[in-house]
């Protein structure tokens, strides 16, 4: 029986734009691959208009809309990061439940389920911890706040999350206006840790999908 799955989907939208999508779920969602197909179709129809968007807030709003595509049974958390290297203002990253309205980052801990904690900071990063309680989450945030600029390093954030009681964790960074962009996750039961860096230069078209189950 599948207890947890983690997916990562990286798509080169155009020579200017790269999109990273990650998520957590419980059990094996039969509609998952249809969702990925629908996302690709949606992006393909909007990619030229998306290249012209220069407001990071508008990009975050667009990402939040795409997250709703994943509002199907068994997907608990979804995170998206969009890179457009022509934008200098920080933005282009969202994380949360696809079933709930995504709120602006407030640096506060939010439990979207009894054991799933979300923390999002203005101008990045966003984190999800699965399998912790409120006390453990509060201790994690206290430690995280001491990192200062190190909190924008994916490997540092994943290493810190891995030291908690969480059975899995996910990190997402804004894709625009930062030196480092992308995200990553770990699954404690599988001793698996992955990081992804979305492109900040001109790239050729490609995409890949990774799906891990345990």
Protein backbone atom coordinates (compact mmCIF):
# COMPACT_ATOMS: atom_id res chain seq x y z
CA UNK A 1 0.00 0.00 0.00
CA UNK A 2 1.39 3.41 -0.96
CA UNK A 3 1.52 5.70 2.08
CA UNK A 4 3.20 8.73 0.56
CA UNK A 5 4.26 9.99 -2.82
CA UNK A 6 6.38 12.98 -3.80
CA UNK A 7 6.49 14.37 -7.32
CA UNK A 8 8.66 16.92 -9.08
CA UNK A 9 7.86 18.31 -12.52
CA UNK A 10 10.27 20.62 -14.31
CA UNK A 11 9.21 22.31 -17.54
CA UNK A 12 11.07 24.69 -19.82
CA UNK A 13 8.19 26.92 -20.91
CA UNK A 14 10.14 29.14 -23.31
CA UNK A 15 13.69 30.47 -23.77
CA UNK A 16 12.93 32.88 -20.90
CA UNK A 17 10.80 30.85 -18.48
CA UNK A 18 11.31 27.65 -16.50
CA UNK A 19 8.71 26.17 -14.13
CA UNK A 20 9.28 23.79 -11.23
CA UNK A 21 6.31 22.07 -9.57
CA UNK A 22 6.60 19.78 -6.54
CA UNK A 23 4.04 18.17 -4.31
CA UNK A 24 3.13 15.63 -1.63
CA UNK A 25 0.25 13.23 -1.52
CA UNK A 26 -1.17 10.24 0.29
CA UNK A 27 -1.84 7.04 -1.62
CA UNK A 28 -1.61 6.75 -5.41
CA UNK A 29 -3.88 9.30 -7.14
CA UNK A 30 -5.27 7.77 -10.34
CA UNK A 31 -5.79 11.18 -11.93
CA UNK A 32 -2.28 12.50 -11.28
CA UNK A 33 -0.88 12.08 -14.78
CA UNK A 34 -3.99 13.66 -16.29
CA UNK A 35 -3.33 16.67 -14.06
CA UNK A 36 0.24 16.99 -15.35
CA UNK A 37 -1.05 16.80 -18.92
CA UNK A 38 -3.63 19.50 -18.22
CA UNK A 39 -0.96 21.71 -16.68
CA UNK A 40 1.26 21.40 -19.75
CA UNK A 41 -1.65 22.28 -22.05
CA UNK A 42 -2.54 25.30 -19.92
CA UNK A 43 1.03 26.59 -19.92
CA UNK A 44 1.45 26.02 -23.64
CA UNK A 45 -1.59 28.19 -24.33
CA UNK A 46 -0.35 31.01 -22.07
CA UNK A 47 3.43 30.98 -22.41
CA UNK A 48 3.79 33.98 -24.72
CA UNK A 49 1.53 36.13 -22.56
CA UNK A 50 3.41 34.91 -19.48
CA UNK A 51 6.72 36.12 -20.89
CA UNK A 52 5.33 39.67 -20.94
CA UNK A 53 4.33 39.69 -17.26
CA UNK A 54 6.82 41.88 -15.38
CA UNK A 55 5.07 42.16 -12.01
CA UNK A 56 6.21 39.47 -9.51
CA UNK A 57 2.88 39.73 -7.68
CA UNK A 58 1.05 38.94 -10.94
CA UNK A 59 3.35 35.95 -11.46
CA UNK A 60 2.56 34.67 -7.96
CA UNK A 61 -1.15 35.04 -8.73
CA UNK A 62 -0.69 33.06 -11.96
CA UNK A 63 1.18 30.33 -10.07
CA UNK A 64 -1.57 30.19 -7.45
CA UNK A 65 -4.12 29.60 -10.23
CA UNK A 66 -2.03 26.74 -11.63
CA UNK A 67 -1.84 25.13 -8.20
CA UNK A 68 -5.62 24.64 -8.31
CA UNK A 69 -5.14 22.18 -11.17
CA UNK A 70 -3.74 19.82 -8.51
CA UNK A 71 -6.87 19.97 -6.36
CA UNK A 72 -7.63 16.28 -6.76
CA UNK A 73 -8.01 13.50 -4.23
CA UNK A 74 -4.88 12.58 -2.26
CA UNK A 75 -2.71 15.59 -3.14
CA UNK A 76 -2.06 17.52 0.07
CA UNK A 77 0.63 20.10 -0.75
CA UNK A 78 1.83 21.69 -3.97
CA UNK A 79 4.67 24.19 -4.54
CA UNK A 80 5.54 26.10 -7.71
CA UNK A 81 8.51 28.26 -8.67
CA UNK A 82 8.78 30.19 -11.93
CA UNK A 83 12.01 31.67 -13.21
CA UNK A 84 12.18 34.57 -15.63
CA UNK A 85 15.75 35.81 -15.53
CA UNK A 86 14.77 39.20 -16.99
CA UNK A 87 12.94 40.11 -13.76
CA UNK A 88 14.97 41.69 -10.96
CA UNK A 89 12.23 41.97 -8.33
CA UNK A 90 11.80 39.01 -6.00
CA UNK A 91 8.76 36.80 -6.65
CA UNK A 92 7.60 33.74 -8.50
CA UNK A 93 7.01 31.15 -5.80
CA UNK A 94 3.99 29.70 -3.97
CA UNK A 95 3.31 26.79 -1.61
CA UNK A 96 0.20 25.47 0.12
CA UNK A 97 -2.80 23.21 -0.16
CA UNK A 98 -4.34 23.16 -3.66
CA UNK A 99 -7.76 23.03 -1.98
CA UNK A 100 -7.33 26.28 -0.04
CA UNK A 101 -6.80 29.89 -1.07
CA UNK A 102 -3.08 30.63 -1.12
CA UNK A 103 -2.31 33.58 1.14
CA UNK A 104 0.60 36.06 0.97
CA UNK A 105 3.65 34.84 2.87
CA UNK A 106 3.50 35.95 6.52
CA UNK A 107 6.43 34.08 8.12
CA UNK A 108 3.95 32.19 10.30
CA UNK A 109 3.37 28.48 10.80
CA UNK A 110 0.10 27.11 9.41
CA UNK A 111 -1.17 23.55 9.76
CA UNK A 112 -3.19 22.60 6.69
CA UNK A 113 -3.69 19.14 8.25
CA UNK A 114 -3.01 17.81 11.73
CA UNK A 115 0.52 16.75 10.77
CA UNK A 116 1.34 19.02 7.78
CA UNK A 117 2.92 22.37 8.58
CA UNK A 118 3.43 25.16 6.05
CA UNK A 119 5.76 28.13 6.58
CA UNK A 120 6.18 30.82 3.90
CA UNK A 121 8.44 33.86 4.14
CA UNK A 122 8.03 37.09 2.14
CA UNK A 123 10.45 37.10 -0.79
CA UNK A 124 11.09 33.36 -0.23
CA UNK A 125 11.48 30.62 0.96
CA UNK A 126 8.43 28.40 1.48
CA UNK A 127 8.53 25.11 3.38
CA UNK A 128 6.25 22.18 4.13
CA UNK A 129 6.96 19.69 6.93
CA UNK A 130 4.98 16.47 7.08
CA UNK A 131 4.71 14.43 10.25
CA UNK A 132 5.35 17.02 12.99
CA UNK A 133 3.33 18.64 15.76
CA UNK A 134 2.96 22.33 16.67
CA UNK A 135 5.77 22.32 19.25
CA UNK A 136 8.21 20.76 16.80
CA UNK A 137 7.15 23.25 14.13
CA UNK A 138 7.71 26.22 16.45
CA UNK A 139 11.21 24.98 17.31
CA UNK A 140 11.97 24.60 13.61
CA UNK A 141 10.92 28.19 12.86
CA UNK A 142 13.05 29.53 15.73
CA UNK A 143 16.08 27.74 14.33
CA UNK A 144 15.25 28.85 10.81
CA UNK A 145 15.00 32.50 11.79
CA UNK A 146 18.59 32.40 13.03
CA UNK A 147 19.92 31.46 9.59
CA UNK A 148 19.58 34.96 8.12
CA UNK A 149 20.69 34.79 4.47
CA UNK A 150 21.42 31.06 4.71
CA UNK A 151 17.68 30.46 4.67
CA UNK A 152 17.82 31.04 0.90
CA UNK A 153 20.01 27.96 0.38
CA UNK A 154 18.00 24.89 -0.58
CA UNK A 155 20.49 22.35 0.79
CA UNK A 156 20.77 24.23 4.10
CA UNK A 157 17.00 24.32 4.51
CA UNK A 158 16.57 20.64 3.66
CA UNK A 159 19.37 19.70 6.04
CA UNK A 160 17.68 21.64 8.82
CA UNK A 161 14.29 20.06 8.10
CA UNK A 162 15.86 16.61 8.00
CA UNK A 163 16.98 17.02 11.62
CA UNK A 164 13.38 17.39 12.76
CA UNK A 165 10.88 14.60 13.40
CA UNK A 166 9.27 15.22 10.01
CA UNK A 167 8.93 12.13 7.83
CA UNK A 168 9.16 14.32 4.73
CA UNK A 169 9.77 17.95 3.83
CA UNK A 170 9.67 20.23 0.83
CA UNK A 171 11.36 23.59 0.14
CA UNK A 172 10.54 26.08 -2.62
CA UNK A 173 12.27 29.36 -3.47
CA UNK A 174 11.09 32.29 -5.54
CA UNK A 175 12.28 31.98 -9.10
CA UNK A 176 12.77 35.69 -9.86
CA UNK A 177 15.13 38.22 -8.35
CA UNK A 178 17.29 35.80 -6.33
CA UNK A 179 20.71 34.30 -7.01
CA UNK A 180 19.41 30.81 -6.24
CA UNK A 181 16.06 29.51 -7.45
CA UNK A 182 14.38 26.15 -7.33
CA UNK A 183 13.46 23.72 -4.60
CA UNK A 184 13.90 20.27 -3.15
CA UNK A 185 12.55 17.60 -0.84
CA UNK A 186 13.52 14.68 1.34
CA UNK A 187 11.73 11.50 2.40
CA UNK A 188 13.08 10.11 5.65
CA UNK A 189 11.80 6.55 5.18
CA UNK A 190 13.67 6.26 1.88
CA UNK A 191 16.72 8.28 2.99
CA UNK A 192 16.19 10.27 -0.21
CA UNK A 193 17.03 13.94 -0.69
CA UNK A 194 16.68 15.83 -3.97
CA UNK A 195 17.40 19.41 -4.98
CA UNK A 196 16.43 21.22 -8.18
CA UNK A 197 17.83 24.46 -9.57
CA UNK A 198 15.68 26.12 -12.18
CA UNK A 199 17.52 27.72 -15.06
CA UNK A 200 18.46 31.40 -14.98
CA UNK A 201 19.68 31.63 -18.57
CA UNK A 202 18.45 30.87 -22.06
CA UNK A 203 17.53 27.22 -22.38
CA UNK A 204 16.13 24.83 -24.96
CA UNK A 205 12.77 23.14 -24.55
CA UNK A 206 12.61 20.13 -22.26
CA UNK A 207 10.63 18.68 -19.39
CA UNK A 208 10.84 15.80 -16.96
CA UNK A 209 8.70 14.25 -14.26
CA UNK A 210 9.90 12.35 -11.19
CA UNK A 211 7.58 10.40 -8.93
CA UNK A 212 8.70 8.74 -5.70
CA UNK A 213 6.54 6.42 -3.63
CA UNK A 214 7.08 4.82 -0.23
